Amino acid sequence: MNVRMAFLTRAAAVAIAAAAAFLPGAVAMAEQVDMNVGEQPGHVPTPEENQLSGAFERQEVFFRTTEAPGTIIIDSKNRFLYLVQPDNRALRYGIGVGRDGFQWQGVEKISRKQEWPDWRPPPEMIERQPYLPRFMAGGPGNPLGPRAMYLGKTVYRIHGTNQPQTIGHAVSSGCFRLVDDDIVDLYDRVPVGTKVVIKQAVAL
């Protein structure tokens, strides 16, 4: 291949790559590749990493619902968890949700709460990520973070995370994750028995 032909080939490749970057879904595909990296037991995020901004920062918002104050409503599509307040208000938290094939919906209650929960990856997760430990005691660096709230008799939880960069993304095996400060805040606000409504999308 002569120099001129090699130059044209490289230029064409660059042009194709640039065009692909703007195709519908290209960003989502790249995000999925980047975010679907599995758990990282032992990583301890910095306070700066745990600080969310913009839409995913914890905030009070207008929220109209027929559910009673104190109810948790999870909007999987938009990656938000709402804690219903009186007078058409809610506390909104940014969350990470289940990736494709692991998202679900339904109504549960918080059946148990745990500070600094131990982590036992289920067999399905170990099969996908055989390098994971079979058990990890609660503490900094634990993928469940500082708090966990168990949903009914399911294997799913609302919990913290040592990967704050995954908030706003679909990465988990069906659980709902919040940054450390947010899961502690939510944990302190809701008792065992709290109703949790999980939806694919919430109409505001």
N, C-alpha and C. Protein backbone atom coordinates (compact mmCIF):
# COMPACT_ATOMS: atom_id res chain seq x y z
N MET A 1 0.85 -1.19 0.00
CA MET A 1 0.00 0.00 0.00
C MET A 1 0.89 1.24 0.00
N ASN A 2 0.64 2.18 -0.99
CA ASN A 2 1.48 3.37 -1.04
C ASN A 2 1.07 4.36 0.06
N VAL A 3 1.87 5.42 0.22
CA VAL A 3 1.64 6.37 1.30
C VAL A 3 0.31 7.06 1.15
N ARG A 4 -0.05 7.47 -0.10
CA ARG A 4 -1.30 8.18 -0.32
C ARG A 4 -2.49 7.30 0.04
N MET A 5 -2.44 6.01 -0.36
CA MET A 5 -3.54 5.09 -0.07
C MET A 5 -3.66 4.86 1.44
N ALA A 6 -2.52 4.72 2.13
CA ALA A 6 -2.56 4.52 3.58
C ALA A 6 -3.18 5.72 4.27
N PHE A 7 -2.85 6.93 3.78
CA PHE A 7 -3.41 8.14 4.37
C PHE A 7 -4.92 8.18 4.20
N LEU A 8 -5.38 7.83 2.99
CA LEU A 8 -6.82 7.85 2.72
C LEU A 8 -7.55 6.81 3.57
N THR A 9 -6.91 5.65 3.76
CA THR A 9 -7.53 4.61 4.57
C THR A 9 -7.69 5.05 6.02
N ARG A 10 -6.62 5.68 6.54
CA ARG A 10 -6.69 6.17 7.91
C ARG A 10 -7.74 7.27 8.05
N ALA A 11 -7.81 8.15 7.07
CA ALA A 11 -8.79 9.24 7.10
C ALA A 11 -10.21 8.70 7.08
N ALA A 12 -10.43 7.67 6.26
CA ALA A 12 -11.76 7.08 6.19
C ALA A 12 -12.14 6.44 7.53
N ALA A 13 -11.17 5.79 8.15
CA ALA A 13 -11.45 5.16 9.44
C ALA A 13 -11.82 6.20 10.49
N VAL A 14 -11.10 7.32 10.49
CA VAL A 14 -11.40 8.38 11.44
C VAL A 14 -12.79 8.94 11.19
N ALA A 15 -13.15 9.15 9.92
CA ALA A 15 -14.46 9.69 9.58
C ALA A 15 -15.57 8.75 10.01
N ILE A 16 -15.38 7.44 9.78
CA ILE A 16 -16.39 6.47 10.17
C ILE A 16 -16.57 6.46 11.68
N ALA A 17 -15.46 6.51 12.40
CA ALA A 17 -15.54 6.51 13.86
C ALA A 17 -16.25 7.75 14.37
N ALA A 18 -15.94 8.90 13.75
CA ALA A 18 -16.58 10.14 14.18
C ALA A 18 -18.08 10.10 13.92
N ALA A 19 -18.47 9.58 12.77
CA ALA A 19 -19.90 9.49 12.46
C ALA A 19 -20.60 8.53 13.41
N ALA A 20 -19.94 7.42 13.74
CA ALA A 20 -20.56 6.44 14.62
C ALA A 20 -20.83 7.01 16.00
N ALA A 21 -19.98 7.94 16.41
CA ALA A 21 -20.15 8.53 17.73
C ALA A 21 -21.46 9.28 17.86
N PHE A 22 -22.03 9.70 16.72
CA PHE A 22 -23.26 10.47 16.77
C PHE A 22 -24.48 9.66 16.37
N LEU A 23 -24.29 8.36 16.11
CA LEU A 23 -25.44 7.53 15.79
C LEU A 23 -26.30 7.33 17.02
N PRO A 24 -27.64 7.22 16.87
CA PRO A 24 -28.50 6.97 18.03
C PRO A 24 -28.06 5.70 18.76
N GLY A 25 -27.93 5.81 20.06
CA GLY A 25 -27.54 4.66 20.86
C GLY A 25 -26.06 4.47 21.03
N ALA A 26 -25.24 5.22 20.29
CA ALA A 26 -23.80 5.03 20.39
C ALA A 26 -23.30 5.36 21.78
N VAL A 27 -23.81 6.44 22.35
CA VAL A 27 -23.38 6.82 23.69
C VAL A 27 -23.80 5.78 24.70
N ALA A 28 -25.03 5.30 24.56
CA ALA A 28 -25.52 4.29 25.50
C ALA A 28 -24.69 3.02 25.40
N MET A 29 -24.28 2.62 24.17
CA MET A 29 -23.47 1.43 24.01
C MET A 29 -22.11 1.61 24.68
N ALA A 30 -21.52 2.78 24.48
CA ALA A 30 -20.23 3.04 25.11
C ALA A 30 -20.35 3.04 26.62
N GLU A 31 -21.44 3.63 27.12
CA GLU A 31 -21.67 3.68 28.57
C GLU A 31 -21.79 2.27 29.13
N GLN A 32 -22.50 1.41 28.42
CA GLN A 32 -22.70 0.06 28.91
C GLN A 32 -21.37 -0.68 29.00
N VAL A 33 -20.52 -0.50 28.01
CA VAL A 33 -19.22 -1.17 28.03
C VAL A 33 -18.39 -0.66 29.20
N ASP A 34 -18.39 0.66 29.39
CA ASP A 34 -17.57 1.26 30.44
C ASP A 34 -18.08 0.90 31.82
N MET A 35 -19.40 0.88 32.00
CA MET A 35 -19.97 0.70 33.32
C MET A 35 -20.10 -0.76 33.73
N ASN A 36 -20.19 -1.66 32.77
CA ASN A 36 -20.42 -3.06 33.08
C ASN A 36 -19.09 -3.74 33.42
N VAL A 37 -18.44 -3.22 34.45
CA VAL A 37 -17.10 -3.69 34.79
C VAL A 37 -17.11 -4.63 35.98
N GLY A 38 -18.25 -4.87 36.57
CA GLY A 38 -18.33 -5.76 37.71
C GLY A 38 -18.03 -5.06 39.01
N GLU A 39 -18.16 -5.81 40.10
CA GLU A 39 -17.91 -5.25 41.42
C GLU A 39 -16.41 -5.06 41.64
N GLN A 40 -16.08 -4.15 42.55
CA GLN A 40 -14.68 -3.87 42.88
C GLN A 40 -14.51 -3.92 44.40
N PRO A 41 -14.59 -5.11 45.00
CA PRO A 41 -14.44 -5.20 46.45
C PRO A 41 -13.10 -4.66 46.89
N GLY A 42 -13.12 -3.90 47.99
CA GLY A 42 -11.89 -3.34 48.53
C GLY A 42 -11.64 -1.90 48.15
N HIS A 43 -12.29 -1.42 47.08
CA HIS A 43 -12.08 -0.02 46.69
C HIS A 43 -12.81 0.90 47.67
N VAL A 44 -12.10 1.90 48.17
CA VAL A 44 -12.70 2.87 49.08
C VAL A 44 -12.74 4.22 48.37
N PRO A 45 -13.94 4.70 47.99
CA PRO A 45 -14.02 5.96 47.25
C PRO A 45 -13.66 7.15 48.14
N THR A 46 -13.15 8.20 47.52
CA THR A 46 -12.82 9.42 48.24
C THR A 46 -14.09 10.22 48.50
N PRO A 47 -14.04 11.17 49.44
CA PRO A 47 -15.21 12.03 49.65
C PRO A 47 -15.60 12.78 48.39
N GLU A 48 -14.62 13.15 47.58
CA GLU A 48 -14.92 13.85 46.33
C GLU A 48 -15.68 12.95 45.37
N GLU A 49 -15.31 11.67 45.30
CA GLU A 49 -16.01 10.73 44.42
C GLU A 49 -17.44 10.52 44.89
N ASN A 50 -17.66 10.58 46.18
CA ASN A 50 -19.00 10.35 46.74
C ASN A 50 -19.91 11.56 46.64
N GLN A 51 -19.39 12.69 46.20
CA GLN A 51 -20.18 13.91 46.12
C GLN A 51 -20.86 14.01 44.76
N LEU A 52 -22.17 13.84 44.74
CA LEU A 52 -22.92 13.95 43.49
C LEU A 52 -23.28 15.40 43.23
N SER A 53 -23.57 15.70 41.96
CA SER A 53 -24.00 17.04 41.59
C SER A 53 -25.10 16.94 40.54
N GLY A 54 -25.77 18.05 40.28
CA GLY A 54 -26.80 18.07 39.25
C GLY A 54 -28.02 17.27 39.66
N ALA A 55 -28.64 16.62 38.68
CA ALA A 55 -29.92 15.93 38.90
C ALA A 55 -29.81 14.82 39.93
N PHE A 56 -28.66 14.16 40.03
CA PHE A 56 -28.54 13.00 40.93
C PHE A 56 -28.18 13.39 42.36
N GLU A 57 -27.97 14.66 42.61
CA GLU A 57 -27.74 15.11 43.97
C GLU A 57 -29.04 15.04 44.77
N ARG A 58 -28.96 14.63 46.01
CA ARG A 58 -30.16 14.53 46.86
C ARG A 58 -30.82 15.90 46.98
N GLN A 59 -32.16 15.94 46.75
CA GLN A 59 -32.87 17.21 46.77
C GLN A 59 -34.36 16.98 46.95
N GLU A 60 -35.04 18.00 47.46
CA GLU A 60 -36.50 17.95 47.56
C GLU A 60 -37.09 18.44 46.26
N VAL A 61 -38.11 17.72 45.75
CA VAL A 61 -38.71 18.05 44.46
C VAL A 61 -40.24 17.98 44.57
N PHE A 62 -40.90 18.62 43.61
CA PHE A 62 -42.35 18.45 43.48
C PHE A 62 -42.61 17.04 43.01
N PHE A 63 -43.59 16.36 43.63
CA PHE A 63 -43.86 14.96 43.29
C PHE A 63 -45.30 14.64 43.66
N ARG A 64 -46.12 14.39 42.66
CA ARG A 64 -47.53 14.09 42.89
C ARG A 64 -47.75 12.58 42.82
N THR A 65 -48.35 12.03 43.86
CA THR A 65 -48.61 10.60 43.91
C THR A 65 -49.77 10.32 44.86
N THR A 66 -50.41 9.19 44.68
CA THR A 66 -51.46 8.76 45.60
C THR A 66 -50.88 7.94 46.76
N GLU A 67 -49.58 7.66 46.71
CA GLU A 67 -48.95 6.90 47.79
C GLU A 67 -48.78 7.78 49.02
N ALA A 68 -48.86 7.17 50.19
CA ALA A 68 -48.78 7.91 51.45
C ALA A 68 -47.36 8.42 51.71
N PRO A 69 -47.25 9.54 52.42
CA PRO A 69 -45.91 9.99 52.84
C PRO A 69 -45.18 8.88 53.57
N GLY A 70 -43.88 8.77 53.32
CA GLY A 70 -43.07 7.71 53.90
C GLY A 70 -42.85 6.55 52.96
N THR A 71 -43.62 6.50 51.86
CA THR A 71 -43.45 5.44 50.85
C THR A 71 -42.21 5.72 50.01
N ILE A 72 -41.50 4.67 49.64
CA ILE A 72 -40.39 4.77 48.70
C ILE A 72 -40.90 4.37 47.32
N ILE A 73 -40.62 5.20 46.33
CA ILE A 73 -40.96 4.88 44.94
C ILE A 73 -39.67 4.92 44.13
N ILE A 74 -39.40 3.84 43.42
CA ILE A 74 -38.18 3.73 42.61
C ILE A 74 -38.54 3.83 41.14
N ASP A 75 -37.90 4.77 40.47
CA ASP A 75 -38.07 4.99 39.03
C ASP A 75 -36.82 4.45 38.34
N SER A 76 -36.90 3.19 37.90
CA SER A 76 -35.71 2.53 37.33
C SER A 76 -35.24 3.20 36.04
N LYS A 77 -36.19 3.59 35.19
CA LYS A 77 -35.81 4.15 33.89
C LYS A 77 -34.98 5.42 34.05
N ASN A 78 -35.41 6.28 34.95
CA ASN A 78 -34.75 7.58 35.10
C ASN A 78 -33.72 7.60 36.23
N ARG A 79 -33.55 6.45 36.93
CA ARG A 79 -32.49 6.30 37.94
C ARG A 79 -32.70 7.20 39.16
N PHE A 80 -33.95 7.26 39.64
CA PHE A 80 -34.25 8.05 40.82
C PHE A 80 -35.00 7.20 41.85
N LEU A 81 -34.75 7.49 43.11
CA LEU A 81 -35.54 6.95 44.21
C LEU A 81 -36.19 8.13 44.91
N TYR A 82 -37.51 8.02 45.14
CA TYR A 82 -38.27 9.08 45.79
C TYR A 82 -38.76 8.60 47.15
N LEU A 83 -38.55 9.42 48.16
CA LEU A 83 -39.17 9.20 49.46
C LEU A 83 -40.29 10.22 49.58
N VAL A 84 -41.54 9.73 49.54
CA VAL A 84 -42.70 10.62 49.47
C VAL A 84 -42.82 11.43 50.76
N GLN A 85 -43.05 12.74 50.59
CA GLN A 85 -43.26 13.67 51.69
C GLN A 85 -44.68 14.25 51.58
N PRO A 86 -45.17 14.93 52.61
CA PRO A 86 -46.50 15.56 52.51
C PRO A 86 -46.50 16.68 51.47
N ASP A 87 -47.70 17.09 51.08
CA ASP A 87 -47.91 18.28 50.25
C ASP A 87 -47.24 18.18 48.88
N ASN A 88 -47.38 17.02 48.23
CA ASN A 88 -46.87 16.84 46.86
C ASN A 88 -45.37 17.12 46.75
N ARG A 89 -44.64 16.66 47.74
CA ARG A 89 -43.19 16.80 47.72
C ARG A 89 -42.56 15.43 47.92
N ALA A 90 -41.29 15.32 47.57
CA ALA A 90 -40.55 14.09 47.80
C ALA A 90 -39.07 14.42 47.90
N LEU A 91 -38.34 13.61 48.65
CA LEU A 91 -36.89 13.65 48.62
C LEU A 91 -36.44 12.73 47.49
N ARG A 92 -35.63 13.26 46.60
CA ARG A 92 -35.20 12.48 45.44
C ARG A 92 -33.70 12.17 45.56
N TYR A 93 -33.39 10.90 45.33
CA TYR A 93 -32.00 10.43 45.39
C TYR A 93 -31.61 9.84 44.04
N GLY A 94 -30.41 10.10 43.59
CA GLY A 94 -29.89 9.42 42.41
C GLY A 94 -29.47 8.01 42.76
N ILE A 95 -29.76 7.06 41.89
CA ILE A 95 -29.47 5.65 42.17
C ILE A 95 -28.85 4.96 40.96
N GLY A 96 -28.25 3.81 41.20
CA GLY A 96 -27.89 2.87 40.16
C GLY A 96 -28.88 1.72 40.21
N VAL A 97 -29.21 1.16 39.06
CA VAL A 97 -30.25 0.12 38.98
C VAL A 97 -29.71 -1.11 38.26
N GLY A 98 -30.58 -2.13 38.15
CA GLY A 98 -30.20 -3.36 37.48
C GLY A 98 -29.94 -3.15 36.00
N ARG A 99 -28.94 -3.83 35.49
CA ARG A 99 -28.65 -3.73 34.06
C ARG A 99 -29.67 -4.56 33.27
N ASP A 100 -29.58 -4.51 31.95
CA ASP A 100 -30.52 -5.24 31.10
C ASP A 100 -30.58 -6.71 31.51
N GLY A 101 -31.80 -7.21 31.67
CA GLY A 101 -32.00 -8.58 32.08
C GLY A 101 -32.11 -8.75 33.58
N PHE A 102 -31.80 -7.69 34.35
CA PHE A 102 -31.86 -7.77 35.81
C PHE A 102 -32.79 -6.70 36.40
N GLN A 103 -33.52 -5.99 35.56
CA GLN A 103 -34.46 -5.00 36.07
C GLN A 103 -35.80 -5.68 36.35
N TRP A 104 -36.51 -5.16 37.33
CA TRP A 104 -37.76 -5.76 37.75
C TRP A 104 -38.66 -4.69 38.33
N GLN A 105 -39.91 -5.04 38.57
CA GLN A 105 -40.84 -4.10 39.17
C GLN A 105 -41.80 -4.86 40.08
N GLY A 106 -42.41 -4.12 40.99
CA GLY A 106 -43.34 -4.75 41.92
C GLY A 106 -43.46 -3.91 43.18
N VAL A 107 -44.09 -4.48 44.18
CA VAL A 107 -44.29 -3.81 45.46
C VAL A 107 -43.75 -4.71 46.56
N GLU A 108 -42.88 -4.16 47.38
CA GLU A 108 -42.29 -4.90 48.49
C GLU A 108 -42.33 -4.02 49.74
N LYS A 109 -41.88 -4.58 50.84
CA LYS A 109 -41.68 -3.82 52.07
C LYS A 109 -40.26 -4.04 52.56
N ILE A 110 -39.73 -3.05 53.24
CA ILE A 110 -38.42 -3.24 53.84
C ILE A 110 -38.58 -4.23 54.99
N SER A 111 -37.93 -5.38 54.84
CA SER A 111 -38.09 -6.46 55.82
C SER A 111 -36.99 -6.48 56.87
N ARG A 112 -35.87 -5.83 56.54
CA ARG A 112 -34.74 -5.82 57.49
C ARG A 112 -33.81 -4.67 57.13
N LYS A 113 -33.16 -4.11 58.15
CA LYS A 113 -32.17 -3.07 57.94
C LYS A 113 -30.85 -3.51 58.58
N GLN A 114 -29.74 -3.16 57.94
CA GLN A 114 -28.46 -3.60 58.46
C GLN A 114 -27.40 -2.52 58.27
N GLU A 115 -26.71 -2.17 59.35
CA GLU A 115 -25.57 -1.28 59.26
C GLU A 115 -24.32 -2.09 58.92
N TRP A 116 -23.49 -1.56 58.04
CA TRP A 116 -22.27 -2.21 57.58
C TRP A 116 -22.50 -3.69 57.28
N PRO A 117 -23.36 -3.97 56.31
CA PRO A 117 -23.72 -5.36 56.02
C PRO A 117 -22.55 -6.15 55.44
N ASP A 118 -22.52 -7.45 55.78
CA ASP A 118 -21.59 -8.36 55.12
C ASP A 118 -22.05 -8.60 53.69
N TRP A 119 -21.14 -9.02 52.84
CA TRP A 119 -21.46 -9.25 51.43
C TRP A 119 -21.14 -10.69 51.07
N ARG A 120 -22.14 -11.39 50.57
CA ARG A 120 -21.98 -12.75 50.06
C ARG A 120 -22.48 -12.77 48.62
N PRO A 121 -21.61 -12.66 47.65
CA PRO A 121 -22.07 -12.66 46.25
C PRO A 121 -22.85 -13.93 45.94
N PRO A 122 -24.02 -13.82 45.30
CA PRO A 122 -24.78 -15.01 44.94
C PRO A 122 -24.04 -15.84 43.90
N PRO A 123 -24.37 -17.13 43.79
CA PRO A 123 -23.68 -18.01 42.84
C PRO A 123 -23.71 -17.48 41.41
N GLU A 124 -24.82 -16.85 41.01
CA GLU A 124 -24.91 -16.33 39.64
C GLU A 124 -23.87 -15.25 39.39
N MET A 125 -23.62 -14.42 40.41
CA MET A 125 -22.63 -13.35 40.26
C MET A 125 -21.22 -13.93 40.21
N ILE A 126 -20.97 -14.94 41.05
CA ILE A 126 -19.65 -15.57 41.06
C ILE A 126 -19.38 -16.27 39.73
N GLU A 127 -20.42 -16.84 39.14
CA GLU A 127 -20.25 -17.50 37.84
C GLU A 127 -19.82 -16.49 36.78
N ARG A 128 -20.38 -15.28 36.85
CA ARG A 128 -20.00 -14.25 35.89
C ARG A 128 -18.67 -13.61 36.23
N GLN A 129 -18.35 -13.53 37.52
CA GLN A 129 -17.12 -12.88 37.98
C GLN A 129 -16.41 -13.81 38.97
N PRO A 130 -15.76 -14.86 38.48
CA PRO A 130 -15.20 -15.88 39.39
C PRO A 130 -14.10 -15.38 40.31
N TYR A 131 -13.57 -14.19 40.06
CA TYR A 131 -12.52 -13.64 40.90
C TYR A 131 -13.06 -13.07 42.21
N LEU A 132 -14.38 -12.94 42.35
CA LEU A 132 -14.95 -12.31 43.54
C LEU A 132 -14.74 -13.18 44.78
N PRO A 133 -14.60 -12.53 45.95
CA PRO A 133 -14.54 -13.32 47.19
C PRO A 133 -15.89 -13.94 47.47
N ARG A 134 -15.90 -15.05 48.20
CA ARG A 134 -17.16 -15.71 48.55
C ARG A 134 -17.81 -15.03 49.74
N PHE A 135 -17.03 -14.24 50.49
CA PHE A 135 -17.55 -13.53 51.64
C PHE A 135 -16.67 -12.31 51.89
N MET A 136 -17.31 -11.19 52.26
CA MET A 136 -16.56 -10.00 52.64
C MET A 136 -17.29 -9.34 53.79
N ALA A 137 -16.58 -9.17 54.90
CA ALA A 137 -17.19 -8.55 56.07
C ALA A 137 -17.51 -7.10 55.79
N GLY A 138 -18.53 -6.59 56.49
CA GLY A 138 -18.92 -5.21 56.33
C GLY A 138 -17.81 -4.26 56.73
N GLY A 139 -17.77 -3.10 56.05
CA GLY A 139 -16.76 -2.10 56.34
C GLY A 139 -16.43 -1.31 55.09
N PRO A 140 -15.55 -0.32 55.21
CA PRO A 140 -15.16 0.46 54.03
C PRO A 140 -14.60 -0.46 52.95
N GLY A 141 -14.99 -0.20 51.71
CA GLY A 141 -14.57 -1.04 50.60
C GLY A 141 -15.52 -2.18 50.29
N ASN A 142 -16.53 -2.38 51.16
CA ASN A 142 -17.53 -3.41 50.88
C ASN A 142 -18.49 -2.90 49.81
N PRO A 143 -18.79 -3.68 48.77
CA PRO A 143 -19.68 -3.22 47.69
C PRO A 143 -21.08 -2.84 48.14
N LEU A 144 -21.52 -3.27 49.34
CA LEU A 144 -22.85 -2.89 49.83
C LEU A 144 -22.83 -1.56 50.56
N GLY A 145 -21.66 -0.99 50.78
CA GLY A 145 -21.60 0.30 51.45
C GLY A 145 -21.93 0.22 52.92
N PRO A 146 -22.24 1.36 53.55
CA PRO A 146 -22.42 1.41 54.99
C PRO A 146 -23.79 0.96 55.50
N ARG A 147 -24.78 0.86 54.60
CA ARG A 147 -26.13 0.48 55.03
C ARG A 147 -26.80 -0.35 53.94
N ALA A 148 -27.71 -1.22 54.37
CA ALA A 148 -28.52 -1.99 53.42
C ALA A 148 -29.92 -2.17 53.99
N MET A 149 -30.91 -2.11 53.11
CA MET A 149 -32.30 -2.36 53.47
C MET A 149 -32.83 -3.45 52.55
N TYR A 150 -33.29 -4.53 53.13
CA TYR A 150 -33.67 -5.72 52.39
C TYR A 150 -35.14 -5.64 51.97
N LEU A 151 -35.41 -6.06 50.75
CA LEU A 151 -36.74 -5.92 50.17
C LEU A 151 -37.51 -7.23 50.25
N GLY A 152 -38.43 -7.30 51.23
CA GLY A 152 -39.27 -8.49 51.38
C GLY A 152 -38.45 -9.75 51.55
N LYS A 153 -38.86 -10.80 50.85
CA LYS A 153 -38.13 -12.07 50.87
C LYS A 153 -37.27 -12.25 49.62
N THR A 154 -37.11 -11.16 48.85
CA THR A 154 -36.30 -11.25 47.65
C THR A 154 -34.81 -11.21 48.02
N VAL A 155 -33.97 -11.39 47.03
CA VAL A 155 -32.51 -11.27 47.23
C VAL A 155 -32.05 -9.83 47.03
N TYR A 156 -33.00 -8.92 46.76
CA TYR A 156 -32.64 -7.55 46.40
C TYR A 156 -32.63 -6.62 47.60
N ARG A 157 -31.80 -5.57 47.48
CA ARG A 157 -31.64 -4.61 48.57
C ARG A 157 -31.53 -3.20 48.00
N ILE A 158 -31.81 -2.25 48.84
CA ILE A 158 -31.41 -0.87 48.62
C ILE A 158 -30.16 -0.69 49.49
N HIS A 159 -29.05 -0.34 48.88
CA HIS A 159 -27.81 -0.32 49.67
C HIS A 159 -26.86 0.75 49.15
N GLY A 160 -25.76 0.91 49.85
CA GLY A 160 -24.73 1.85 49.43
C GLY A 160 -23.87 1.24 48.34
N THR A 161 -22.77 1.90 48.03
CA THR A 161 -21.88 1.38 47.01
C THR A 161 -20.48 1.96 47.19
N ASN A 162 -19.50 1.19 46.83
CA ASN A 162 -18.13 1.71 46.81
C ASN A 162 -17.72 2.13 45.40
N GLN A 163 -18.73 2.21 44.51
CA GLN A 163 -18.50 2.67 43.13
C GLN A 163 -19.46 3.82 42.82
N PRO A 164 -19.22 5.00 43.39
CA PRO A 164 -20.16 6.11 43.18
C PRO A 164 -20.30 6.53 41.73
N GLN A 165 -19.32 6.17 40.90
CA GLN A 165 -19.40 6.53 39.48
C GLN A 165 -20.51 5.78 38.76
N THR A 166 -21.08 4.75 39.40
CA THR A 166 -22.15 3.98 38.75
C THR A 166 -23.54 4.55 39.02
N ILE A 167 -23.65 5.58 39.86
CA ILE A 167 -24.95 6.19 40.10
C ILE A 167 -25.44 6.82 38.79
N GLY A 168 -26.70 6.56 38.47
CA GLY A 168 -27.24 7.04 37.21
C GLY A 168 -27.11 6.04 36.07
N HIS A 169 -26.57 4.86 36.37
CA HIS A 169 -26.36 3.85 35.34
C HIS A 169 -27.05 2.54 35.71
N ALA A 170 -27.22 1.68 34.72
CA ALA A 170 -27.81 0.36 34.92
C ALA A 170 -26.68 -0.66 34.95
N VAL A 171 -26.28 -1.06 36.16
CA VAL A 171 -25.08 -1.88 36.29
C VAL A 171 -25.22 -3.05 37.25
N SER A 172 -26.23 -3.03 38.12
CA SER A 172 -26.28 -4.01 39.21
C SER A 172 -26.95 -5.31 38.76
N SER A 173 -27.03 -6.24 39.71
CA SER A 173 -27.72 -7.51 39.47
C SER A 173 -29.15 -7.47 39.98
N GLY A 174 -29.72 -6.26 40.08
CA GLY A 174 -31.12 -6.10 40.48
C GLY A 174 -31.32 -5.27 41.72
N CYS A 175 -30.23 -4.99 42.46
CA CYS A 175 -30.33 -4.13 43.64
C CYS A 175 -30.30 -2.66 43.22
N PHE A 176 -30.60 -1.80 44.19
CA PHE A 176 -30.61 -0.35 43.96
C PHE A 176 -29.55 0.27 44.87
N ARG A 177 -28.62 0.99 44.27
CA ARG A 177 -27.47 1.51 45.03
C ARG A 177 -27.47 3.03 45.09
N LEU A 178 -27.03 3.55 46.23
CA LEU A 178 -26.91 4.98 46.47
C LEU A 178 -25.50 5.26 46.99
N VAL A 179 -25.05 6.49 46.85
CA VAL A 179 -23.76 6.85 47.45
C VAL A 179 -23.90 6.81 48.98
N ASP A 180 -22.76 6.78 49.66
CA ASP A 180 -22.75 6.54 51.10
C ASP A 180 -23.61 7.52 51.88
N ASP A 181 -23.42 8.82 51.65
CA ASP A 181 -24.19 9.80 52.41
C ASP A 181 -25.68 9.65 52.19
N ASP A 182 -26.07 9.32 50.96
CA ASP A 182 -27.49 9.19 50.65
C ASP A 182 -28.11 7.95 51.29
N ILE A 183 -27.39 6.82 51.26
CA ILE A 183 -27.98 5.62 51.85
C ILE A 183 -28.09 5.77 53.36
N VAL A 184 -27.14 6.44 54.00
CA VAL A 184 -27.24 6.69 55.44
C VAL A 184 -28.42 7.60 55.74
N ASP A 185 -28.60 8.65 54.92
CA ASP A 185 -29.72 9.57 55.11
C ASP A 185 -31.05 8.84 54.96
N LEU A 186 -31.19 8.05 53.90
CA LEU A 186 -32.43 7.32 53.67
C LEU A 186 -32.68 6.29 54.77
N TYR A 187 -31.64 5.58 55.16
CA TYR A 187 -31.73 4.55 56.20
C TYR A 187 -32.28 5.13 57.50
N ASP A 188 -31.83 6.32 57.84
CA ASP A 188 -32.26 6.95 59.09
C ASP A 188 -33.70 7.47 59.02
N ARG A 189 -34.23 7.62 57.83
CA ARG A 189 -35.57 8.19 57.67
C ARG A 189 -36.69 7.15 57.60
N VAL A 190 -36.36 5.90 57.25
CA VAL A 190 -37.43 4.92 57.00
C VAL A 190 -37.29 3.72 57.94
N PRO A 191 -38.41 3.23 58.47
CA PRO A 191 -38.38 2.07 59.37
C PRO A 191 -38.59 0.76 58.60
N VAL A 192 -38.34 -0.33 59.28
CA VAL A 192 -38.75 -1.64 58.77
C VAL A 192 -40.26 -1.62 58.55
N GLY A 193 -40.70 -2.20 57.46
CA GLY A 193 -42.12 -2.20 57.12
C GLY A 193 -42.49 -1.15 56.08
N THR A 194 -41.55 -0.25 55.75
CA THR A 194 -41.82 0.78 54.75
C THR A 194 -42.19 0.16 53.41
N LYS A 195 -43.22 0.68 52.79
CA LYS A 195 -43.65 0.22 51.48
C LYS A 195 -42.70 0.74 50.41
N VAL A 196 -42.31 -0.15 49.49
CA VAL A 196 -41.40 0.21 48.39
C VAL A 196 -42.06 -0.19 47.07
N VAL A 197 -42.28 0.79 46.21
CA VAL A 197 -42.90 0.57 44.90
C VAL A 197 -41.82 0.70 43.84
N ILE A 198 -41.57 -0.38 43.11
CA ILE A 198 -40.54 -0.37 42.07
C ILE A 198 -41.23 -0.31 40.72
N LYS A 199 -40.92 0.73 39.95
CA LYS A 199 -41.53 0.91 38.63
C LYS A 199 -40.44 1.06 37.57
N GLN A 200 -40.78 0.71 36.34
CA GLN A 200 -39.85 0.93 35.25
C GLN A 200 -39.77 2.41 34.89
N ALA A 201 -40.86 3.13 35.07
CA ALA A 201 -40.86 4.56 34.82
C ALA A 201 -41.96 5.20 35.65
N VAL A 202 -41.69 6.40 36.13
CA VAL A 202 -42.66 7.13 36.95
C VAL A 202 -43.16 8.34 36.15
N ALA A 203 -44.47 8.47 36.02
CA ALA A 203 -45.07 9.62 35.32
C ALA A 203 -45.25 10.74 36.32
N LEU A 204 -44.60 11.85 36.06
CA LEU A 204 -44.69 13.00 36.97
C LEU A 204 -45.78 13.96 36.53
